[in-house]
Amino acid sequence: MYTKRQFVAIWQLGGGKVGVQDRFVARRIPSLGNERDHGYTIVKVASANGVKVELHDLGGNGPHMLMSHANGFHGLCWKPVAVNLIKRFHCYAHDHRGHGDTAAPKDWKVAWSGYAADATAAAKAIAQKGGIIGVGHSMGGATLLLTAMKHPELFRGLLLYEPILFPDDVRRPANRPNVLAEGAARRKPSFKSLDEAIKNYSSKLPMSHFTPEALEAYVQGGFRKGDDGMMHLKCSPELESENFKNPNIPNLWKKLPEIDIPVWVLSGHPEPFQPSGFAEAIADRLPKGNHIEYSDLDHFGPFVDPIRIARIIDTFADTLEP
């Protein structure tokens, strides 16, 4: 294993394990079509509160890999990363409740326990002897940690990009606005067409930095056609905003030292009171944690540079015991 300083040096130089880069080439991702016709097998998995979790089989051969999405996103957002991994891994991605095609229970109040139950249900559905590999972004990274906290046997290892997790003694200053929650609440929920949505998002941060394939995957899997003929977000702005207002996860920070599996924590340029600012502390608290910083990326690294993230996942898998 490399030391943490060696990881930072290797990846900031654009290197990596010798020969790994050569296996990756940019591939045009086939269109998803409409929201239910994306060419993948879909499985409904039972979770807590009567929720039926949508589990997308993204294809591939080899060890199973579960990809867990961020707040406001959905499982199919991982497609631009997975397409570069399916020659070696069998990739799956699930939709957390209230996101994508997994419905939240009526009158359900936002709770991390619900999202963790969804990730756990998906992981158990594709469980393998020796464990699977978990890959998570933001909220999806935190839900995989919650699953590993209770069921470490499910995983060979986790690779997490800026998981949403803050030290127990850190609180947002009272006079500091919750920019993410406020921005989500103002998000435009409906468009006349998917093309209009893509045009809108491609002109604004942060999605203006996404690759075209990543933005297409987000839009085509994140909207459904309503009776009014309009395309509506599957994850409501209200739910996305409420999630941002509840970032504190009971007991997880305290329990991190008990998660005794390999975990790589990736982050972009560190920002105060943001997930990037606590990524190294998370890795330090994990018995087998490593932190890698990419100063040229932001919180949405997997969609700004999906090929690079796929390459890192591949390298991470090389370090795991068979």
C-alpha atoms as a PDB file:
ATOM      1  CA  MET A   1       0.000   0.000   0.000  1.00  0.00           C
ATOM      2  CA  TYR A   2       1.106   3.558  -0.651  1.00  0.00           C
ATOM      3  CA  THR A   3       1.296   6.161   2.109  1.00  0.00           C
ATOM      4  CA  LYS A   4      -1.216   9.014   1.983  1.00  0.00           C
ATOM      5  CA  ARG A   5       1.462  11.450   0.857  1.00  0.00           C
ATOM      6  CA  GLN A   6       2.470   9.071  -1.929  1.00  0.00           C
ATOM      7  CA  PHE A   7      -1.144   8.849  -3.111  1.00  0.00           C
ATOM      8  CA  VAL A   8      -1.429  12.644  -3.310  1.00  0.00           C
ATOM      9  CA  ALA A   9       1.870  12.960  -5.144  1.00  0.00           C
ATOM     10  CA  ILE A  10       1.061  10.196  -7.635  1.00  0.00           C
ATOM     11  CA  TRP A  11      -2.357  11.449  -8.602  1.00  0.00           C
ATOM     12  CA  GLN A  12      -1.557  15.162  -8.654  1.00  0.00           C
ATOM     13  CA  LEU A  13       1.164  14.354 -11.150  1.00  0.00           C
ATOM     14  CA  GLY A  14      -1.464  12.642 -13.286  1.00  0.00           C
ATOM     15  CA  GLY A  15       0.157   9.260 -12.837  1.00  0.00           C
ATOM     16  CA  GLY A  16      -1.150   6.159 -11.187  1.00  0.00           C
ATOM     17  CA  LYS A  17      -0.330   2.537 -11.360  1.00  0.00           C
ATOM     18  CA  VAL A  18       1.787   1.784 -14.422  1.00  0.00           C
ATOM     19  CA  GLY A  19      -0.282   0.490 -17.296  1.00  0.00           C
ATOM     20  CA  VAL A  20      -3.672   1.262 -15.753  1.00  0.00           C
ATOM     21  CA  GLN A  21      -4.277   4.347 -17.896  1.00  0.00           C
ATOM     22  CA  ASP A  22      -3.694   2.339 -21.063  1.00  0.00           C
ATOM     23  CA  ARG A  23      -6.814   0.260 -20.456  1.00  0.00           C
ATOM     24  CA  PHE A  24      -9.078   3.276 -20.609  1.00  0.00           C
ATOM     25  CA  VAL A  25     -10.364   5.050 -23.675  1.00  0.00           C
ATOM     26  CA  ALA A  26     -13.192   7.529 -23.957  1.00  0.00           C
ATOM     27  CA  ARG A  27     -16.352   5.823 -25.126  1.00  0.00           C
ATOM     28  CA  ARG A  28     -19.492   7.437 -26.450  1.00  0.00           C
ATOM     29  CA  ILE A  29     -22.299   6.364 -24.145  1.00  0.00           C
ATOM     30  CA  PRO A  30     -25.450   5.139 -25.920  1.00  0.00           C
ATOM     31  CA  SER A  31     -28.490   7.289 -25.339  1.00  0.00           C
ATOM     32  CA  LEU A  32     -30.639   6.250 -22.403  1.00  0.00           C
ATOM     33  CA  GLY A  33     -33.842   6.867 -24.345  1.00  0.00           C
ATOM     34  CA  ASN A  34     -36.815   7.623 -22.097  1.00  0.00           C
ATOM     35  CA  GLU A  35     -36.673   7.178 -18.348  1.00  0.00           C
ATOM     36  CA  ARG A  36     -37.796   3.521 -18.441  1.00  0.00           C
ATOM     37  CA  ASP A  37     -36.139   2.453 -21.686  1.00  0.00           C
ATOM     38  CA  HIS A  38     -32.420   2.701 -20.987  1.00  0.00           C
ATOM     39  CA  GLY A  39     -31.548  -0.845 -22.001  1.00  0.00           C
ATOM     40  CA  TYR A  40     -30.651  -2.112 -18.528  1.00  0.00           C
ATOM     41  CA  THR A  41     -32.196  -4.753 -16.328  1.00  0.00           C
ATOM     42  CA  ILE A  42     -34.090  -3.263 -13.401  1.00  0.00           C
ATOM     43  CA  VAL A  43     -34.692  -5.104 -10.146  1.00  0.00           C
ATOM     44  CA  LYS A  44     -36.957  -3.982  -7.324  1.00  0.00           C
ATOM     45  CA  VAL A  45     -35.397  -4.665  -3.913  1.00  0.00           C
ATOM     46  CA  ALA A  46     -37.324  -4.517  -0.633  1.00  0.00           C
ATOM     47  CA  SER A  47     -36.086  -1.918   1.855  1.00  0.00           C
ATOM     48  CA  ALA A  48     -37.421  -0.463   5.128  1.00  0.00           C
ATOM     49  CA  ASN A  49     -40.773   1.347   5.395  1.00  0.00           C
ATOM     50  CA  GLY A  50     -42.192  -0.664   2.495  1.00  0.00           C
ATOM     51  CA  VAL A  51     -39.841   1.005   0.000  1.00  0.00           C
ATOM     52  CA  LYS A  52     -39.008  -0.863  -3.199  1.00  0.00           C
ATOM     53  CA  VAL A  53     -35.510   0.198  -4.230  1.00  0.00           C
ATOM     54  CA  GLU A  54     -34.796   0.485  -7.933  1.00  0.00           C
ATOM     55  CA  LEU A  55     -31.562  -1.390  -8.673  1.00  0.00           C
ATOM     56  CA  HIS A  56     -30.090  -0.820 -12.128  1.00  0.00           C
ATOM     57  CA  ASP A  57     -27.866  -3.489 -13.652  1.00  0.00           C
ATOM     58  CA  LEU A  58     -25.350  -1.413 -15.622  1.00  0.00           C
ATOM     59  CA  GLY A  59     -23.783  -4.512 -17.140  1.00  0.00           C
ATOM     60  CA  GLY A  60     -20.323  -5.991 -17.180  1.00  0.00           C
ATOM     61  CA  ASN A  61     -18.497  -9.096 -16.060  1.00  0.00           C
ATOM     62  CA  GLY A  62     -16.504  -9.865 -12.958  1.00  0.00           C
ATOM     63  CA  PRO A  63     -16.721  -8.861  -9.288  1.00  0.00           C
ATOM     64  CA  HIS A  64     -19.862  -7.005  -8.302  1.00  0.00           C
ATOM     65  CA  MET A  65     -19.688  -3.253  -7.744  1.00  0.00           C
ATOM     66  CA  LEU A  66     -22.428  -1.116  -6.174  1.00  0.00           C
ATOM     67  CA  MET A  67     -22.483   2.586  -7.097  1.00  0.00           C
ATOM     68  CA  SER A  68     -24.343   4.888  -4.708  1.00  0.00           C
ATOM     69  CA  HIS A  69     -25.491   8.348  -5.816  1.00  0.00           C
ATOM     70  CA  ALA A  70     -25.573  11.831  -4.290  1.00  0.00           C
ATOM     71  CA  ASN A  71     -28.498  13.871  -3.001  1.00  0.00           C
ATOM     72  CA  GLY A  72     -30.703  14.998  -5.897  1.00  0.00           C
ATOM     73  CA  PHE A  73     -29.075  12.539  -8.307  1.00  0.00           C
ATOM     74  CA  HIS A  74     -29.953   8.913  -9.201  1.00  0.00           C
ATOM     75  CA  GLY A  75     -28.264   5.628  -9.974  1.00  0.00           C
ATOM     76  CA  LEU A  76     -28.011   6.123 -13.727  1.00  0.00           C
ATOM     77  CA  CYS A  77     -25.759   9.144 -13.155  1.00  0.00           C
ATOM     78  CA  TRP A  78     -23.000   6.571 -12.673  1.00  0.00           C
ATOM     79  CA  LYS A  79     -23.289   5.342 -16.251  1.00  0.00           C
ATOM     80  CA  PRO A  80     -20.372   7.457 -17.628  1.00  0.00           C
ATOM     81  CA  VAL A  81     -18.094   5.966 -14.941  1.00  0.00           C
ATOM     82  CA  ALA A  82     -19.441   2.422 -15.207  1.00  0.00           C
ATOM     83  CA  VAL A  83     -19.018   2.234 -18.979  1.00  0.00           C
ATOM     84  CA  ASN A  84     -15.268   2.390 -18.397  1.00  0.00           C
ATOM     85  CA  LEU A  85     -15.357  -0.416 -15.830  1.00  0.00           C
ATOM     86  CA  ILE A  86     -17.670  -3.071 -17.230  1.00  0.00           C
ATOM     87  CA  LYS A  87     -14.880  -5.068 -18.893  1.00  0.00           C
ATOM     88  CA  ARG A  88     -13.616  -5.936 -15.422  1.00  0.00           C
ATOM     89  CA  PHE A  89     -16.596  -5.479 -13.066  1.00  0.00           C
ATOM     90  CA  HIS A  90     -20.320  -6.126 -13.010  1.00  0.00           C
ATOM     91  CA  CYS A  91     -21.679  -2.701 -12.117  1.00  0.00           C
ATOM     92  CA  TYR A  92     -24.946  -1.925 -10.354  1.00  0.00           C
ATOM     93  CA  ALA A  93     -26.436   1.345  -9.145  1.00  0.00           C
ATOM     94  CA  HIS A  94     -29.500   1.965  -7.012  1.00  0.00           C
ATOM     95  CA  ASP A  95     -31.895   4.888  -6.542  1.00  0.00           C
ATOM     96  CA  HIS A  96     -32.338   6.041  -2.955  1.00  0.00           C
ATOM     97  CA  ARG A  97     -35.918   6.712  -1.870  1.00  0.00           C
ATOM     98  CA  GLY A  98     -37.332   9.894  -3.361  1.00  0.00           C
ATOM     99  CA  HIS A  99     -34.700   9.800  -6.107  1.00  0.00           C
ATOM    100  CA  GLY A 100     -34.864   8.343  -9.592  1.00  0.00           C
ATOM    101  CA  ASP A 101     -37.515   5.626  -9.761  1.00  0.00           C
ATOM    102  CA  THR A 102     -37.548   4.696  -6.063  1.00  0.00           C
ATOM    103  CA  ALA A 103     -40.592   6.274  -4.472  1.00  0.00           C
ATOM    104  CA  ALA A 104     -40.428   7.562  -0.904  1.00  0.00           C
ATOM    105  CA  PRO A 105     -43.238   6.544   1.467  1.00  0.00           C
ATOM    106  CA  LYS A 106     -46.092   9.000   1.761  1.00  0.00           C
ATOM    107  CA  ASP A 107     -45.454  11.557   4.520  1.00  0.00           C
ATOM    108  CA  TRP A 108     -41.967  10.126   5.100  1.00  0.00           C
ATOM    109  CA  LYS A 109     -39.743  12.485   7.075  1.00  0.00           C
ATOM    110  CA  VAL A 110     -36.154  12.730   5.884  1.00  0.00           C
ATOM    111  CA  ALA A 111     -33.947  10.394   7.909  1.00  0.00           C
ATOM    112  CA  TRP A 112     -30.501   8.963   7.210  1.00  0.00           C
ATOM    113  CA  SER A 113     -31.709   5.593   8.481  1.00  0.00           C
ATOM    114  CA  GLY A 114     -34.014   5.334   5.472  1.00  0.00           C
ATOM    115  CA  TYR A 115     -31.300   6.095   2.938  1.00  0.00           C
ATOM    116  CA  ALA A 116     -28.944   3.680   4.704  1.00  0.00           C
ATOM    117  CA  ALA A 117     -31.604   0.955   4.560  1.00  0.00           C
ATOM    118  CA  ASP A 118     -31.888   1.457   0.792  1.00  0.00           C
ATOM    119  CA  ALA A 119     -28.134   1.135   0.260  1.00  0.00           C
ATOM    120  CA  THR A 120     -28.031  -1.929   2.499  1.00  0.00           C
ATOM    121  CA  ALA A 121     -30.871  -3.580   0.598  1.00  0.00           C
ATOM    122  CA  ALA A 122     -29.073  -2.988  -2.706  1.00  0.00           C
ATOM    123  CA  ALA A 123     -25.767  -4.320  -1.359  1.00  0.00           C
ATOM    124  CA  LYS A 124     -27.408  -7.458   0.011  1.00  0.00           C
ATOM    125  CA  ALA A 125     -29.169  -8.060  -3.306  1.00  0.00           C
ATOM    126  CA  ILE A 126     -25.848  -8.357  -5.158  1.00  0.00           C
ATOM    127  CA  ALA A 127     -23.787  -9.832  -2.309  1.00  0.00           C
ATOM    128  CA  GLN A 128     -20.882 -12.109  -3.184  1.00  0.00           C
ATOM    129  CA  LYS A 129     -18.567 -14.337  -1.188  1.00  0.00           C
ATOM    130  CA  GLY A 130     -15.662 -12.172  -0.055  1.00  0.00           C
ATOM    131  CA  GLY A 131     -17.705  -9.008  -0.453  1.00  0.00           C
ATOM    132  CA  ILE A 132     -18.472  -6.507  -3.195  1.00  0.00           C
ATOM    133  CA  ILE A 133     -16.825  -3.173  -3.988  1.00  0.00           C
ATOM    134  CA  GLY A 134     -18.809  -0.087  -3.023  1.00  0.00           C
ATOM    135  CA  VAL A 135     -18.401   3.257  -4.800  1.00  0.00           C
ATOM    136  CA  GLY A 136     -20.212   6.291  -3.442  1.00  0.00           C
ATOM    137  CA  HIS A 137     -20.493  10.021  -4.067  1.00  0.00           C
ATOM    138  CA  SER A 138     -21.539  12.570  -1.439  1.00  0.00           C
ATOM    139  CA  MET A 139     -24.728  11.275   0.234  1.00  0.00           C
ATOM    140  CA  GLY A 140     -24.133   7.944  -1.485  1.00  0.00           C
ATOM    141  CA  GLY A 141     -20.742   7.678   0.168  1.00  0.00           C
ATOM    142  CA  ALA A 142     -22.271   8.242   3.582  1.00  0.00           C
ATOM    143  CA  THR A 143     -24.972   5.604   3.037  1.00  0.00           C
ATOM    144  CA  LEU A 144     -22.307   3.044   2.100  1.00  0.00           C
ATOM    145  CA  LEU A 145     -20.400   3.871   5.285  1.00  0.00           C
ATOM    146  CA  LEU A 146     -23.599   3.402   7.273  1.00  0.00           C
ATOM    147  CA  THR A 147     -24.103   0.019   5.597  1.00  0.00           C
ATOM    148  CA  ALA A 148     -20.503  -1.019   6.261  1.00  0.00           C
ATOM    149  CA  MET A 149     -20.848   0.049   9.880  1.00  0.00           C
ATOM    150  CA  LYS A 150     -23.508  -2.609  10.450  1.00  0.00           C
ATOM    151  CA  HIS A 151     -22.579  -5.110   7.738  1.00  0.00           C
ATOM    152  CA  PRO A 152     -18.834  -4.930   7.025  1.00  0.00           C
ATOM    153  CA  GLU A 153     -18.942  -8.453   5.593  1.00  0.00           C
ATOM    154  CA  LEU A 154     -20.799  -7.116   2.565  1.00  0.00           C
ATOM    155  CA  PHE A 155     -17.770  -5.207   1.253  1.00  0.00           C
ATOM    156  CA  ARG A 156     -14.241  -5.923   0.092  1.00  0.00           C
ATOM    157  CA  GLY A 157     -13.635  -2.204   0.167  1.00  0.00           C
ATOM    158  CA  LEU A 158     -15.162   1.241  -0.419  1.00  0.00           C
ATOM    159  CA  LEU A 159     -14.098   4.102  -2.661  1.00  0.00           C
ATOM    160  CA  LEU A 160     -15.887   7.302  -1.677  1.00  0.00           C
ATOM    161  CA  TYR A 161     -15.824  10.710  -3.326  1.00  0.00           C
ATOM    162  CA  GLU A 162     -16.442  13.462  -0.761  1.00  0.00           C
ATOM    163  CA  PRO A 163     -18.873  11.554   1.460  1.00  0.00           C
ATOM    164  CA  ILE A 164     -21.260  13.750   3.434  1.00  0.00           C
ATOM    165  CA  LEU A 165     -19.962  13.327   6.964  1.00  0.00           C
ATOM    166  CA  PHE A 166     -18.889  15.954   9.477  1.00  0.00           C
ATOM    167  CA  PRO A 167     -17.036  15.590  12.799  1.00  0.00           C
ATOM    168  CA  ASP A 168     -19.395  15.536  15.778  1.00  0.00           C
ATOM    169  CA  ASP A 169     -17.949  18.783  17.140  1.00  0.00           C
ATOM    170  CA  VAL A 170     -18.390  20.726  13.897  1.00  0.00           C
ATOM    171  CA  ARG A 171     -21.467  22.875  13.490  1.00  0.00           C
ATOM    172  CA  ARG A 172     -22.280  25.370  10.767  1.00  0.00           C
ATOM    173  CA  PRO A 173     -21.935  28.938  12.077  1.00  0.00           C
ATOM    174  CA  ALA A 174     -25.354  30.446  12.778  1.00  0.00           C
ATOM    175  CA  ASN A 175     -24.691  33.374  10.449  1.00  0.00           C
ATOM    176  CA  ARG A 176     -23.434  31.203   7.573  1.00  0.00           C
ATOM    177  CA  PRO A 177     -26.151  30.566   4.947  1.00  0.00           C
ATOM    178  CA  ASN A 178     -26.861  27.031   3.826  1.00  0.00           C
ATOM    179  CA  VAL A 179     -26.105  27.705   0.183  1.00  0.00           C
ATOM    180  CA  LEU A 180     -26.743  24.129  -0.976  1.00  0.00           C
ATOM    181  CA  ALA A 181     -30.174  23.937   0.676  1.00  0.00           C
ATOM    182  CA  GLU A 182     -31.181  27.346  -0.625  1.00  0.00           C
ATOM    183  CA  GLY A 183     -29.994  26.554  -4.137  1.00  0.00           C
ATOM    184  CA  ALA A 184     -31.834  23.226  -4.215  1.00  0.00           C
ATOM    185  CA  ALA A 185     -35.069  24.858  -3.060  1.00  0.00           C
ATOM    186  CA  ARG A 186     -34.864  27.287  -5.980  1.00  0.00           C
ATOM    187  CA  ARG A 187     -34.157  24.575  -8.556  1.00  0.00           C
ATOM    188  CA  LYS A 188     -36.443  24.729 -11.586  1.00  0.00           C
ATOM    189  CA  PRO A 189     -38.555  21.553 -11.344  1.00  0.00           C
ATOM    190  CA  SER A 190     -40.023  21.325 -14.847  1.00  0.00           C
ATOM    191  CA  PHE A 191     -39.082  21.825 -18.476  1.00  0.00           C
ATOM    192  CA  LYS A 192     -40.869  21.515 -21.797  1.00  0.00           C
ATOM    193  CA  SER A 193     -38.414  18.858 -22.955  1.00  0.00           C
ATOM    194  CA  LEU A 194     -35.234  17.048 -21.960  1.00  0.00           C
ATOM    195  CA  ASP A 195     -33.338  19.084 -24.526  1.00  0.00           C
ATOM    196  CA  GLU A 196     -34.491  22.273 -22.820  1.00  0.00           C
ATOM    197  CA  ALA A 197     -33.310  20.910 -19.466  1.00  0.00           C
ATOM    198  CA  ILE A 198     -29.897  20.005 -20.889  1.00  0.00           C
ATOM    199  CA  LYS A 199     -29.549  23.463 -22.440  1.00  0.00           C
ATOM    200  CA  ASN A 200     -30.469  25.086 -19.128  1.00  0.00           C
ATOM    201  CA  TYR A 201     -28.072  23.048 -16.993  1.00  0.00           C
ATOM    202  CA  SER A 202     -25.185  23.223 -19.467  1.00  0.00           C
ATOM    203  CA  SER A 203     -25.117  27.011 -19.086  1.00  0.00           C
ATOM    204  CA  LYS A 204     -24.898  27.049 -15.272  1.00  0.00           C
ATOM    205  CA  LEU A 205     -22.513  25.849 -12.608  1.00  0.00           C
ATOM    206  CA  PRO A 206     -21.904  23.192 -11.471  1.00  0.00           C
ATOM    207  CA  MET A 207     -23.298  21.160 -14.364  1.00  0.00           C
ATOM    208  CA  SER A 208     -21.661  23.315 -17.009  1.00  0.00           C
ATOM    209  CA  HIS A 209     -18.460  21.473 -16.020  1.00  0.00           C
ATOM    210  CA  PHE A 210     -19.991  17.996 -16.491  1.00  0.00           C
ATOM    211  CA  THR A 211     -19.030  15.995 -19.551  1.00  0.00           C
ATOM    212  CA  PRO A 212     -21.847  15.917 -22.139  1.00  0.00           C
ATOM    213  CA  GLU A 213     -22.408  12.230 -21.350  1.00  0.00           C
ATOM    214  CA  ALA A 214     -22.666  12.883 -17.617  1.00  0.00           C
ATOM    215  CA  LEU A 215     -25.147  15.722 -18.071  1.00  0.00           C
ATOM    216  CA  GLU A 216     -27.209  13.615 -20.466  1.00  0.00           C
ATOM    217  CA  ALA A 217     -27.284  10.744 -17.966  1.00  0.00           C
ATOM    218  CA  TYR A 218     -28.412  13.059 -15.157  1.00  0.00           C
ATOM    219  CA  VAL A 219     -31.216  14.609 -17.210  1.00  0.00           C
ATOM    220  CA  GLN A 220     -32.511  11.526 -19.002  1.00  0.00           C
ATOM    221  CA  GLY A 221     -32.656   9.457 -15.820  1.00  0.00           C
ATOM    222  CA  GLY A 222     -33.759  12.291 -13.563  1.00  0.00           C
ATOM    223  CA  PHE A 223     -36.980  13.451 -15.227  1.00  0.00           C
ATOM    224  CA  ARG A 224     -40.343  11.889 -16.013  1.00  0.00           C
ATOM    225  CA  LYS A 225     -43.127  13.093 -18.278  1.00  0.00           C
ATOM    226  CA  GLY A 226     -46.225  14.345 -16.493  1.00  0.00           C
ATOM    227  CA  ASP A 227     -49.855  14.373 -17.548  1.00  0.00           C
ATOM    228  CA  ASP A 228     -49.348  18.003 -18.530  1.00  0.00           C
ATOM    229  CA  GLY A 229     -46.765  16.984 -21.128  1.00  0.00           C
ATOM    230  CA  MET A 230     -43.951  18.658 -19.191  1.00  0.00           C
ATOM    231  CA  MET A 231     -40.796  16.915 -17.973  1.00  0.00           C
ATOM    232  CA  HIS A 232     -40.606  17.001 -14.164  1.00  0.00           C
ATOM    233  CA  LEU A 233     -37.704  16.262 -11.813  1.00  0.00           C
ATOM    234  CA  LYS A 234     -38.111  12.886 -10.127  1.00  0.00           C
ATOM    235  CA  CYS A 235     -36.375  14.173  -6.986  1.00  0.00           C
ATOM    236  CA  SER A 236     -38.337  17.207  -5.872  1.00  0.00           C
ATOM    237  CA  PRO A 237     -36.440  20.400  -5.019  1.00  0.00           C
ATOM    238  CA  GLU A 238     -38.130  20.283  -1.609  1.00  0.00           C
ATOM    239  CA  LEU A 239     -36.688  16.858  -0.778  1.00  0.00           C
ATOM    240  CA  GLU A 240     -33.227  17.742  -2.069  1.00  0.00           C
ATOM    241  CA  SER A 241     -33.243  20.925   0.016  1.00  0.00           C
ATOM    242  CA  GLU A 242     -34.445  19.101   3.133  1.00  0.00           C
ATOM    243  CA  ASN A 243     -31.575  16.620   2.797  1.00  0.00           C
ATOM    244  CA  PHE A 244     -29.063  19.469   2.736  1.00  0.00           C
ATOM    245  CA  LYS A 245     -30.610  20.845   5.922  1.00  0.00           C
ATOM    246  CA  ASN A 246     -29.969  17.554   7.736  1.00  0.00           C
ATOM    247  CA  PRO A 247     -26.278  16.730   7.153  1.00  0.00           C
ATOM    248  CA  ASN A 248     -25.534  15.326  10.599  1.00  0.00           C
ATOM    249  CA  ILE A 249     -25.594  11.517  10.754  1.00  0.00           C
ATOM    250  CA  PRO A 250     -26.123  10.091  14.249  1.00  0.00           C
ATOM    251  CA  ASN A 251     -23.255   7.916  15.554  1.00  0.00           C
ATOM    252  CA  LEU A 252     -21.397   7.495  12.252  1.00  0.00           C
ATOM    253  CA  TRP A 253     -18.413   9.711  13.079  1.00  0.00           C
ATOM    254  CA  LYS A 254     -18.029   7.941  16.406  1.00  0.00           C
ATOM    255  CA  LYS A 255     -18.237   4.509  14.759  1.00  0.00           C
ATOM    256  CA  LEU A 256     -15.775   5.135  11.902  1.00  0.00           C
ATOM    257  CA  PRO A 257     -12.858   3.443  13.743  1.00  0.00           C
ATOM    258  CA  GLU A 258     -14.918   0.242  13.794  1.00  0.00           C
ATOM    259  CA  ILE A 259     -15.179   0.045   9.980  1.00  0.00           C
ATOM    260  CA  ASP A 260     -12.180  -2.210   9.449  1.00  0.00           C
ATOM    261  CA  ILE A 261     -12.197  -2.528   5.661  1.00  0.00           C
ATOM    262  CA  PRO A 262     -10.101  -0.687   3.056  1.00  0.00           C
ATOM    263  CA  VAL A 263     -11.588   2.727   2.264  1.00  0.00           C
ATOM    264  CA  TRP A 264     -10.219   5.328  -0.119  1.00  0.00           C
ATOM    265  CA  VAL A 265     -11.666   8.806   0.407  1.00  0.00           C
ATOM    266  CA  LEU A 266     -11.281  11.081  -2.610  1.00  0.00           C
ATOM    267  CA  SER A 267     -11.843  14.820  -2.645  1.00  0.00           C
ATOM    268  CA  GLY A 268     -11.466  17.888  -4.774  1.00  0.00           C
ATOM    269  CA  HIS A 269      -9.965  21.171  -3.645  1.00  0.00           C
ATOM    270  CA  PRO A 270     -10.739  21.532   0.094  1.00  0.00           C
ATOM    271  CA  GLU A 271     -13.331  24.153   1.022  1.00  0.00           C
ATOM    272  CA  PRO A 272     -14.289  25.188   4.584  1.00  0.00           C
ATOM    273  CA  PHE A 273     -17.455  23.574   5.970  1.00  0.00           C
ATOM    274  CA  GLN A 274     -17.795  21.474   2.797  1.00  0.00           C
ATOM    275  CA  PRO A 275     -17.310  17.699   2.342  1.00  0.00           C
ATOM    276  CA  SER A 276     -13.937  18.321   0.693  1.00  0.00           C
ATOM    277  CA  GLY A 277     -12.718  20.020   3.849  1.00  0.00           C
ATOM    278  CA  PHE A 278     -13.354  16.948   6.021  1.00  0.00           C
ATOM    279  CA  ALA A 279     -12.350  14.173   3.609  1.00  0.00           C
ATOM    280  CA  GLU A 280      -8.847  13.760   5.022  1.00  0.00           C
ATOM    281  CA  ALA A 281     -10.175  13.675   8.595  1.00  0.00           C
ATOM    282  CA  ILE A 282     -12.598  10.904   7.602  1.00  0.00           C
ATOM    283  CA  ALA A 283      -9.791   8.843   6.081  1.00  0.00           C
ATOM    284  CA  ASP A 284      -7.589   9.399   9.139  1.00  0.00           C
ATOM    285  CA  ARG A 285     -10.344   8.089  11.396  1.00  0.00           C
ATOM    286  CA  LEU A 286     -10.781   4.874   9.412  1.00  0.00           C
ATOM    287  CA  PRO A 287      -8.408   2.007  10.349  1.00  0.00           C
ATOM    288  CA  LYS A 288      -7.656   1.255   6.678  1.00  0.00           C
ATOM    289  CA  GLY A 289      -8.432   4.658   5.218  1.00  0.00           C
ATOM    290  CA  ASN A 290      -6.474   6.633   2.631  1.00  0.00           C
ATOM    291  CA  HIS A 291      -7.144  10.140   1.343  1.00  0.00           C
ATOM    292  CA  ILE A 292      -6.430  11.387  -2.170  1.00  0.00           C
ATOM    293  CA  GLU A 293      -6.899  15.049  -3.084  1.00  0.00           C
ATOM    294  CA  TYR A 294      -7.437  16.344  -6.627  1.00  0.00           C
ATOM    295  CA  SER A 295      -6.920  20.088  -6.502  1.00  0.00           C
ATOM    296  CA  ASP A 296      -8.342  20.537 -10.015  1.00  0.00           C
ATOM    297  CA  LEU A 297     -11.714  18.925  -9.214  1.00  0.00           C
ATOM    298  CA  ASP A 298     -14.751  20.078  -7.249  1.00  0.00           C
ATOM    299  CA  HIS A 299     -17.504  18.187  -5.411  1.00  0.00           C
ATOM    300  CA  PHE A 300     -18.772  16.734  -8.698  1.00  0.00           C
ATOM    301  CA  GLY A 301     -15.534  15.075  -9.778  1.00  0.00           C
ATOM    302  CA  PRO A 302     -17.135  11.794 -10.942  1.00  0.00           C
ATOM    303  CA  PHE A 303     -19.115  13.722 -13.570  1.00  0.00           C
ATOM    304  CA  VAL A 304     -16.455  16.284 -14.462  1.00  0.00           C
ATOM    305  CA  ASP A 305     -13.890  13.567 -15.185  1.00  0.00           C
ATOM    306  CA  PRO A 306     -15.592  10.138 -15.163  1.00  0.00           C
ATOM    307  CA  ILE A 307     -12.711   8.418 -16.973  1.00  0.00           C
ATOM    308  CA  ARG A 308     -10.211   9.498 -14.323  1.00  0.00           C
ATOM    309  CA  ILE A 309     -12.535   8.368 -11.524  1.00  0.00           C
ATOM    310  CA  ALA A 310     -12.994   5.010 -13.252  1.00  0.00           C
ATOM    311  CA  ARG A 311      -9.227   4.652 -13.501  1.00  0.00           C
ATOM    312  CA  ILE A 312      -8.876   5.297  -9.756  1.00  0.00           C
ATOM    313  CA  ILE A 313     -11.590   2.743  -8.969  1.00  0.00           C
ATOM    314  CA  ASP A 314      -9.706   0.214 -11.086  1.00  0.00           C
ATOM    315  CA  THR A 315      -6.474   0.962  -9.238  1.00  0.00           C
ATOM    316  CA  PHE A 316      -8.232   0.705  -5.884  1.00  0.00           C
ATOM    317  CA  ALA A 317      -9.528  -2.741  -6.827  1.00  0.00           C
ATOM    318  CA  ASP A 318      -5.937  -3.819  -7.569  1.00  0.00           C
ATOM    319  CA  THR A 319      -5.037  -3.171  -3.926  1.00  0.00           C
ATOM    320  CA  LEU A 320      -7.818  -5.353  -2.504  1.00  0.00           C
ATOM    321  CA  GLU A 321      -7.400  -8.947  -1.493  1.00  0.00           C
ATOM    322  CA  PRO A 322      -9.135 -11.405  -3.874  1.00  0.00           C
END
